[in-house]
Amino acid sequence: MRPTLLWSLLLLLGVFAAAAAAPPAQLTLETYQEWCNDSAATHDPLSQLPAPQHPKIRLYNAEQVLSWEPVALSNSTRPVVYQVQFKYTDSKWFTADIMSIGVNCTQITATECDFTAASPSAGFPMDFNVTLRLRAELGALHSAWVTMPWFQHYRNETAFLHVGQTGLELLTSSDLPTSASQSAGITVTVGPPENIEVTPGEGSLIIRFSSPFDIADTSTAFFCYYVHYWEKGGIQQVKGPFRSNSISLDNLKPSRVYCLQVQAQLLWNKSNIFRVGHLSNISCYETMADASTELQQVILISVGTFSLLSVLAGACFFLVLKYRGLIKYWFHTPPSIPLQIEEYLKDPTQPILEALDKDSSPKDDVWDSVSIISFPEKEQEDVLQTL
């Protein structure tokens, strides 16, 4: 009986120990992470540093950036360093260094690790599930690991831990509530097309651009594009989808201003999943006139110019007739004063006859005397009538 009682006591102790080590039934994402950190600190005596707080993963186009808040220690002058590790599905953890991923995120003092690849063939494979974790280190001390949910860049999806009645289960971002998505600290974004150039044509606009980021294997995922356009002050229209990076908007009204935005969508071939990207900034352009419109403009300009010149000519002729006396006076040569009178006017003190006798100009006629002839008024009128 005693051996049986001893084995029963040992079995009860084992059950209590397992219950104490297991996570509580009602668990949120935050409390589960705290339980993991506390459990790791209990089993690892060197886990005496606080873990990095509020880690975030930013996925924007080809960018893959992990950031977190720094660990502050008031009783240490040495800087806290951080170490980041990664793994793929069902693989072991790898240290994020130059040899493994081309980025050094080991023993760094920065609170950010940029995994953005310099080329499509480098960095994390964008069709792999990637999980990241990080911890703080200070000499022989280190914090517990903080593990982020996995993400897959091409699909722009993330996985989260959800605690239900039956325990822990894995959910994708499409099934995740908004509040849980925000608490996970992962933002996924497909940006607008880049390097947009628009060439106005005759009643058309030709749009050229580049994709938000390069895709190494287009059989796995590809971009399609939509154009949102409208006549200034009009109703918006959408044209697409297009696989080409050159789009022509035809059948537009000539000599009109149109505004447009370009949008990219990332399509995942295997699962028929697409991610809608951001719209580009609004830009407006004026279409060119076609041949018929240009001919009409030339005719209208010619008729308008001829009409204006005709009106100006008629107005000038009317003014000349109305003010011909004044115009004749303006253009009439004024009478000249004889030289002798000018000399007298310069010196009025001298007698007028002596001034007239002075002949300083050899060209003038010479006279001996000046005769003053007067006529009675009646005879003067007869003389004027005979003239």
Protein backbone atom coordinates (compact mmCIF):
# COMPACT_ATOMS: atom_id res chain seq x y z
CA MET A 1 0.00 0.00 0.00
CA ARG A 2 2.82 2.39 0.83
CA PRO A 3 4.39 2.26 -2.68
CA THR A 4 0.95 2.93 -4.21
CA LEU A 5 0.37 5.92 -1.92
CA LEU A 6 3.84 7.31 -2.73
CA TRP A 7 3.24 7.06 -6.47
CA SER A 8 -0.12 8.84 -6.04
CA LEU A 9 1.51 11.72 -4.17
CA LEU A 10 4.20 12.07 -6.84
CA LEU A 11 1.53 12.10 -9.59
CA LEU A 12 -0.44 14.86 -7.82
CA LEU A 13 2.71 16.96 -7.41
CA GLY A 14 3.46 16.59 -11.16
CA VAL A 15 -0.07 17.70 -12.08
CA PHE A 16 0.17 20.79 -9.85
CA ALA A 17 3.57 21.71 -11.31
CA ALA A 18 2.27 21.41 -14.88
CA ALA A 19 -0.75 23.51 -14.03
CA ALA A 20 1.48 26.22 -12.55
CA ALA A 21 3.72 26.25 -15.62
CA ALA A 22 0.84 26.32 -18.16
CA PRO A 23 -0.65 29.59 -19.39
CA PRO A 24 -3.96 30.70 -17.91
CA ALA A 25 -7.12 29.80 -19.80
CA GLN A 26 -8.38 33.37 -20.27
CA LEU A 27 -5.42 34.99 -22.03
CA THR A 28 -5.06 37.98 -24.31
CA LEU A 29 -2.22 38.67 -26.71
CA GLU A 30 -0.54 41.02 -24.20
CA THR A 31 -0.90 38.70 -21.19
CA TYR A 32 0.33 35.77 -23.25
CA GLN A 33 3.48 37.68 -24.18
CA GLU A 34 3.99 38.62 -20.51
CA TRP A 35 3.55 34.98 -19.49
CA CYS A 36 6.16 33.90 -22.06
CA ASN A 37 8.61 36.53 -20.78
CA ASP A 38 8.00 35.59 -17.14
CA SER A 39 8.38 31.90 -17.93
CA ALA A 40 11.68 32.50 -19.74
CA ALA A 41 12.95 34.67 -16.90
CA THR A 42 12.04 31.97 -14.36
CA HIS A 43 13.99 29.27 -16.16
CA ASP A 44 16.92 31.56 -17.16
CA PRO A 45 18.62 33.22 -14.15
CA LEU A 46 20.43 35.69 -16.47
CA SER A 47 17.12 37.13 -17.80
CA GLN A 48 17.23 40.13 -15.51
CA LEU A 49 16.80 42.93 -18.07
CA PRO A 50 13.40 44.27 -19.09
CA ALA A 51 12.34 43.23 -22.57
CA PRO A 52 12.08 45.77 -25.43
CA GLN A 53 8.62 47.30 -25.53
CA HIS A 54 6.18 48.00 -28.37
CA PRO A 55 8.00 46.29 -31.25
CA LYS A 56 6.64 47.18 -34.70
CA ILE A 57 7.14 45.78 -38.19
CA ARG A 58 6.66 48.20 -41.08
CA LEU A 59 6.08 46.67 -44.50
CA TYR A 60 5.87 49.39 -47.14
CA ASN A 61 6.52 48.34 -50.74
CA ALA A 62 9.91 46.61 -50.57
CA GLU A 63 10.73 47.98 -47.11
CA GLN A 64 10.93 45.58 -44.16
CA VAL A 65 11.76 47.44 -40.95
CA LEU A 66 11.59 46.21 -37.35
CA SER A 67 11.62 48.91 -34.65
CA TRP A 68 11.10 49.02 -30.90
CA GLU A 69 11.36 51.29 -27.88
CA PRO A 70 14.71 51.40 -26.05
CA VAL A 71 15.29 49.72 -22.69
CA ALA A 72 16.12 52.36 -20.07
CA LEU A 73 18.30 51.46 -17.07
CA SER A 74 18.90 54.03 -14.35
CA ASN A 75 21.69 52.15 -12.53
CA SER A 76 23.99 51.47 -15.50
CA THR A 77 26.20 53.74 -17.59
CA ARG A 78 26.90 51.11 -20.23
CA PRO A 79 24.63 51.16 -23.30
CA VAL A 80 22.08 48.41 -23.78
CA VAL A 81 22.55 46.48 -27.03
CA TYR A 82 20.01 44.42 -28.93
CA GLN A 83 20.05 41.19 -30.86
CA VAL A 84 17.55 40.17 -33.54
CA GLN A 85 16.96 36.65 -34.83
CA PHE A 86 14.74 35.30 -37.59
CA LYS A 87 13.41 32.02 -38.83
CA TYR A 88 11.27 30.63 -41.61
CA THR A 89 8.44 28.13 -41.25
CA ASP A 90 9.56 24.98 -39.32
CA SER A 91 13.19 26.12 -39.28
CA LYS A 92 15.60 26.99 -36.49
CA TRP A 93 16.43 30.50 -35.37
CA PHE A 94 19.20 32.36 -37.22
CA THR A 95 21.13 35.38 -36.05
CA ALA A 96 20.47 38.43 -38.22
CA ASP A 97 23.99 39.29 -39.37
CA ILE A 98 25.83 40.00 -42.59
CA MET A 99 26.52 36.35 -43.33
CA SER A 100 22.94 35.14 -42.95
CA ILE A 101 20.76 37.95 -44.28
CA GLY A 102 23.12 40.73 -45.37
CA VAL A 103 22.11 43.01 -42.48
CA ASN A 104 23.83 43.31 -39.11
CA CYS A 105 21.27 43.36 -36.29
CA THR A 106 23.46 41.78 -33.60
CA GLN A 107 24.93 43.74 -30.68
CA ILE A 108 23.50 47.00 -32.01
CA THR A 109 22.59 50.08 -29.97
CA ALA A 110 20.03 51.33 -32.49
CA THR A 111 16.36 50.57 -31.92
CA GLU A 112 15.67 49.72 -35.54
CA CYS A 113 16.66 46.94 -37.88
CA ASP A 114 16.12 47.51 -41.60
CA PHE A 115 15.86 44.26 -43.56
CA THR A 116 15.08 46.03 -46.83
CA ALA A 117 16.98 44.26 -49.57
CA ALA A 118 19.28 46.19 -51.86
CA SER A 119 18.07 43.99 -54.75
CA PRO A 120 15.11 41.62 -55.29
CA SER A 121 17.41 38.59 -54.95
CA ALA A 122 18.69 39.66 -51.48
CA GLY A 123 16.99 39.96 -48.10
CA PHE A 124 14.06 37.85 -46.97
CA PRO A 125 12.32 35.90 -49.75
CA MET A 126 9.07 37.77 -50.15
CA ASP A 127 7.01 34.58 -50.53
CA PHE A 128 8.32 33.02 -47.28
CA ASN A 129 6.75 33.17 -43.84
CA VAL A 130 9.22 35.11 -41.68
CA THR A 131 9.22 35.34 -37.88
CA LEU A 132 11.38 37.83 -35.97
CA ARG A 133 12.35 38.03 -32.32
CA LEU A 134 14.61 40.36 -30.35
CA ARG A 135 16.00 40.86 -26.87
CA ALA A 136 18.08 43.36 -24.90
CA GLU A 137 21.60 42.53 -23.68
CA LEU A 138 23.98 44.13 -21.22
CA GLY A 139 27.15 42.18 -20.60
CA ALA A 140 26.18 38.73 -19.30
CA LEU A 141 22.60 39.84 -18.67
CA HIS A 142 19.84 39.71 -21.22
CA SER A 143 16.08 40.07 -21.37
CA ALA A 144 13.49 37.58 -22.47
CA TRP A 145 12.90 37.14 -26.19
CA VAL A 146 10.08 39.20 -27.68
CA THR A 147 8.66 37.28 -30.64
CA MET A 148 6.72 39.04 -33.38
CA PRO A 149 3.94 37.39 -35.39
CA TRP A 150 5.06 35.95 -38.71
CA PHE A 151 4.56 37.90 -41.90
CA GLN A 152 4.72 37.22 -45.61
CA HIS A 153 5.66 40.26 -47.62
CA TYR A 154 4.13 39.42 -51.00
CA ARG A 155 0.78 38.60 -49.50
CA ASN A 156 1.09 41.42 -46.98
CA GLU A 157 -0.43 39.12 -44.39
CA THR A 158 0.51 38.64 -40.77
CA ALA A 159 -0.32 35.92 -38.24
CA PHE A 160 -1.45 36.54 -34.69
CA LEU A 161 -2.02 34.44 -31.60
CA HIS A 162 -5.63 34.21 -30.52
CA VAL A 163 -6.73 32.63 -27.25
CA GLY A 164 -10.16 31.03 -27.34
CA GLN A 165 -12.10 28.49 -25.38
CA THR A 166 -10.08 25.61 -26.85
CA GLY A 167 -6.68 27.19 -26.34
CA LEU A 168 -4.22 28.89 -28.69
CA GLU A 169 -4.95 29.04 -32.41
CA LEU A 170 -3.36 30.83 -35.37
CA LEU A 171 -5.29 33.44 -37.32
CA THR A 172 -4.41 35.38 -40.45
CA SER A 173 -4.84 39.12 -40.73
CA SER A 174 -8.01 38.66 -42.80
CA ASP A 175 -9.69 36.96 -39.83
CA LEU A 176 -8.26 39.26 -37.18
CA PRO A 177 -10.29 41.95 -35.40
CA THR A 178 -9.17 45.50 -35.88
CA SER A 179 -8.17 45.96 -32.23
CA ALA A 180 -5.89 42.92 -32.30
CA SER A 181 -4.30 44.07 -35.56
CA GLN A 182 -3.45 47.41 -34.02
CA SER A 183 -2.03 45.85 -30.85
CA ALA A 184 0.28 43.60 -32.87
CA GLY A 185 2.24 46.61 -34.17
CA ILE A 186 2.45 45.47 -37.80
CA THR A 187 1.56 47.81 -40.65
CA VAL A 188 1.42 46.52 -44.22
CA THR A 189 1.14 48.93 -47.14
CA VAL A 190 1.45 48.88 -50.93
CA GLY A 191 2.39 52.36 -52.06
CA PRO A 192 1.38 54.13 -55.27
CA PRO A 193 3.27 53.72 -58.56
CA GLU A 194 6.43 55.78 -58.79
CA ASN A 195 8.02 58.08 -61.42
CA ILE A 196 4.67 58.99 -63.01
CA GLU A 197 5.01 60.90 -66.30
CA VAL A 198 2.05 62.16 -68.35
CA THR A 199 2.28 63.24 -72.01
CA PRO A 200 -0.76 65.15 -73.38
CA GLY A 201 -1.91 64.12 -76.85
CA GLU A 202 -4.70 65.07 -79.27
CA GLY A 203 -7.70 64.35 -77.07
CA SER A 204 -5.69 61.84 -75.00
CA LEU A 205 -3.25 61.45 -72.12
CA ILE A 206 -0.38 58.92 -72.18
CA ILE A 207 0.68 57.83 -68.67
CA ARG A 208 4.01 56.10 -67.92
CA PHE A 209 5.19 54.97 -64.48
CA SER A 210 7.18 52.33 -62.60
CA SER A 211 5.88 49.72 -60.16
CA PRO A 212 5.90 50.39 -56.39
CA PHE A 213 8.71 47.81 -56.03
CA ASP A 214 10.39 45.17 -58.16
CA ILE A 215 9.19 41.57 -58.15
CA ALA A 216 11.85 38.99 -58.95
CA ASP A 217 9.45 36.18 -59.92
CA THR A 218 6.34 37.48 -61.70
CA SER A 219 4.89 33.97 -61.83
CA THR A 220 4.36 34.21 -58.07
CA ALA A 221 2.95 37.74 -57.85
CA PHE A 222 2.42 40.67 -60.16
CA PHE A 223 0.98 44.18 -60.27
CA CYS A 224 -2.06 45.46 -62.11
CA TYR A 225 -2.94 49.14 -62.34
CA TYR A 226 -6.02 51.36 -62.35
CA VAL A 227 -6.36 55.00 -63.42
CA HIS A 228 -8.86 57.29 -61.71
CA TYR A 229 -9.46 60.33 -63.91
CA TRP A 230 -12.00 63.12 -64.34
CA GLU A 231 -12.46 66.34 -66.22
CA LYS A 232 -11.80 69.26 -63.90
CA GLY A 233 -15.06 69.85 -62.09
CA GLY A 234 -16.59 66.67 -63.55
CA ILE A 235 -17.41 63.12 -62.43
CA GLN A 236 -14.61 60.66 -61.65
CA GLN A 237 -14.12 57.58 -63.84
CA VAL A 238 -11.96 54.46 -63.39
CA LYS A 239 -10.14 52.63 -66.17
CA GLY A 240 -8.37 49.29 -65.73
CA PRO A 241 -6.97 46.86 -64.85
CA PHE A 242 -3.74 47.12 -66.88
CA ARG A 243 -0.65 44.94 -66.69
CA SER A 244 1.48 47.39 -68.66
CA ASN A 245 3.33 50.35 -67.15
CA SER A 246 2.14 52.55 -70.02
CA ILE A 247 -1.54 53.52 -70.17
CA SER A 248 -3.29 55.68 -72.76
CA LEU A 249 -6.52 57.51 -71.93
CA ASP A 250 -8.28 58.06 -75.28
CA ASN A 251 -11.52 59.72 -76.38
CA LEU A 252 -10.99 62.74 -74.17
CA LYS A 253 -12.24 66.19 -75.06
CA PRO A 254 -9.57 68.31 -76.78
CA SER A 255 -8.20 71.39 -75.05
CA ARG A 256 -9.68 70.37 -71.70
CA VAL A 257 -8.02 69.95 -68.28
CA TYR A 258 -8.16 66.42 -66.81
CA CYS A 259 -6.98 65.31 -63.36
CA LEU A 260 -5.87 61.76 -62.56
CA GLN A 261 -4.52 59.34 -59.95
CA VAL A 262 -2.83 55.98 -60.52
CA GLN A 263 -3.29 52.96 -58.22
CA ALA A 264 -1.45 49.64 -58.04
CA GLN A 265 -2.81 46.29 -56.87
CA LEU A 266 -0.59 43.36 -55.90
CA LEU A 267 -1.99 39.98 -56.95
CA TRP A 268 -0.83 36.70 -55.42
CA ASN A 269 -1.20 33.89 -57.98
CA LYS A 270 -1.24 30.88 -55.66
CA SER A 271 -4.04 31.96 -53.34
CA ASN A 272 -5.88 34.45 -55.58
CA ILE A 273 -5.23 37.20 -53.02
CA PHE A 274 -4.82 40.85 -53.95
CA ARG A 275 -3.71 43.87 -51.97
CA VAL A 276 -4.98 47.33 -52.94
CA GLY A 277 -2.29 50.01 -52.91
CA HIS A 278 -2.46 53.70 -52.19
CA LEU A 279 -3.51 56.25 -54.80
CA SER A 280 -0.88 58.57 -56.22
CA ASN A 281 -1.08 62.33 -55.75
CA ILE A 282 -3.57 64.22 -57.90
CA SER A 283 -2.06 65.79 -61.02
CA CYS A 284 -3.85 67.74 -63.77
CA TYR A 285 -2.99 68.12 -67.47
CA GLU A 286 -4.56 69.82 -70.51
CA THR A 287 -5.20 67.74 -73.62
CA MET A 288 -4.03 69.00 -77.00
CA ALA A 289 -6.38 70.10 -79.77
CA ASP A 290 -6.95 67.79 -82.75
CA ALA A 291 -6.62 68.84 -86.43
CA SER A 292 -10.25 69.96 -86.87
CA THR A 293 -10.16 71.96 -83.67
CA GLU A 294 -6.91 73.64 -84.70
CA LEU A 295 -8.45 74.60 -88.11
CA GLN A 296 -11.46 76.09 -86.36
CA GLN A 297 -9.19 78.05 -84.06
CA VAL A 298 -7.17 79.40 -87.02
CA ILE A 299 -10.35 80.49 -88.83
CA LEU A 300 -11.75 82.16 -85.72
CA ILE A 301 -8.48 83.98 -85.06
CA SER A 302 -8.29 85.19 -88.68
CA VAL A 303 -11.89 86.43 -88.71
CA GLY A 304 -11.43 88.12 -85.36
CA THR A 305 -8.22 89.86 -86.48
CA PHE A 306 -9.81 91.11 -89.72
CA SER A 307 -12.87 92.39 -87.85
CA LEU A 308 -10.71 94.22 -85.34
CA LEU A 309 -8.61 95.88 -88.06
CA SER A 310 -11.77 96.94 -89.92
CA VAL A 311 -13.21 98.53 -86.80
CA LEU A 312 -9.94 100.35 -86.11
CA ALA A 313 -9.73 101.67 -89.70
CA GLY A 314 -13.34 102.94 -89.61
CA ALA A 315 -12.76 104.65 -86.30
CA CYS A 316 -9.61 106.39 -87.58
CA PHE A 317 -11.42 107.62 -90.72
CA PHE A 318 -14.31 109.00 -88.65
CA LEU A 319 -11.93 110.86 -86.34
CA VAL A 320 -10.05 112.39 -89.29
CA LEU A 321 -13.28 113.72 -90.79
CA LYS A 322 -14.51 115.10 -87.49
CA TYR A 323 -11.28 116.79 -86.43
CA ARG A 324 -9.76 117.65 -89.84
CA GLY A 325 -9.37 121.35 -88.96
CA LEU A 326 -7.47 120.53 -85.82
CA ILE A 327 -5.34 118.00 -87.63
CA LYS A 328 -4.57 120.54 -90.38
CA TYR A 329 -3.52 123.02 -87.72
CA TRP A 330 -1.23 120.41 -86.09
CA PHE A 331 0.53 119.61 -89.35
CA HIS A 332 0.63 123.21 -90.80
CA THR A 333 4.08 124.84 -90.92
CA PRO A 334 4.09 127.94 -88.70
CA PRO A 335 5.00 131.32 -90.41
CA SER A 336 8.58 132.49 -90.04
CA ILE A 337 9.52 135.92 -88.60
CA PRO A 338 11.83 138.07 -90.74
CA LEU A 339 15.35 138.41 -89.49
CA GLN A 340 15.07 142.19 -89.05
CA ILE A 341 12.01 141.79 -86.80
CA GLU A 342 13.84 139.15 -84.73
CA GLU A 343 16.73 141.61 -84.21
CA TYR A 344 14.32 144.33 -83.20
CA LEU A 345 12.58 142.04 -80.78
CA LYS A 346 15.96 141.23 -79.23
CA ASP A 347 16.68 144.97 -78.74
CA PRO A 348 13.46 147.01 -78.71
CA THR A 349 15.27 150.24 -77.81
CA GLN A 350 16.53 150.83 -81.31
CA PRO A 351 14.20 152.56 -83.82
CA ILE A 352 12.23 150.18 -85.96
CA LEU A 353 13.27 151.85 -89.20
CA GLU A 354 16.95 151.62 -88.36
CA ALA A 355 16.47 147.94 -87.46
CA LEU A 356 14.84 147.38 -90.82
CA ASP A 357 17.65 149.22 -92.62
CA LYS A 358 20.22 146.86 -91.16
CA ASP A 359 20.76 144.10 -93.67
CA SER A 360 22.88 141.39 -92.16
CA SER A 361 21.88 138.75 -94.64
CA PRO A 362 23.38 138.89 -98.11
CA LYS A 363 20.59 136.74 -99.45
CA ASP A 364 17.84 139.28 -98.67
CA ASP A 365 16.85 141.90 -101.20
CA VAL A 366 18.31 145.40 -100.70
CA TRP A 367 16.07 148.50 -100.59
CA ASP A 368 16.70 152.18 -100.19
CA SER A 369 13.49 153.24 -98.50
CA VAL A 370 10.27 151.86 -97.10
CA SER A 371 6.99 153.29 -98.32
CA ILE A 372 3.79 152.89 -96.33
CA ILE A 373 0.72 152.82 -98.53
CA SER A 374 -2.72 153.16 -97.03
CA PHE A 375 -6.07 152.93 -98.72
CA PRO A 376 -9.37 154.27 -97.66
CA GLU A 377 -11.68 151.54 -96.43
CA LYS A 378 -13.89 151.64 -99.51
CA GLU A 379 -11.01 151.49 -101.92
CA GLN A 380 -9.42 148.65 -99.89
CA GLU A 381 -12.63 146.59 -100.19
CA ASP A 382 -12.69 147.18 -103.98
CA VAL A 383 -9.08 146.09 -104.26
CA LEU A 384 -9.75 142.94 -102.26
CA GLN A 385 -12.77 142.15 -104.44
CA THR A 386 -10.71 142.50 -107.60
CA LEU A 387 -8.10 140.16 -106.20
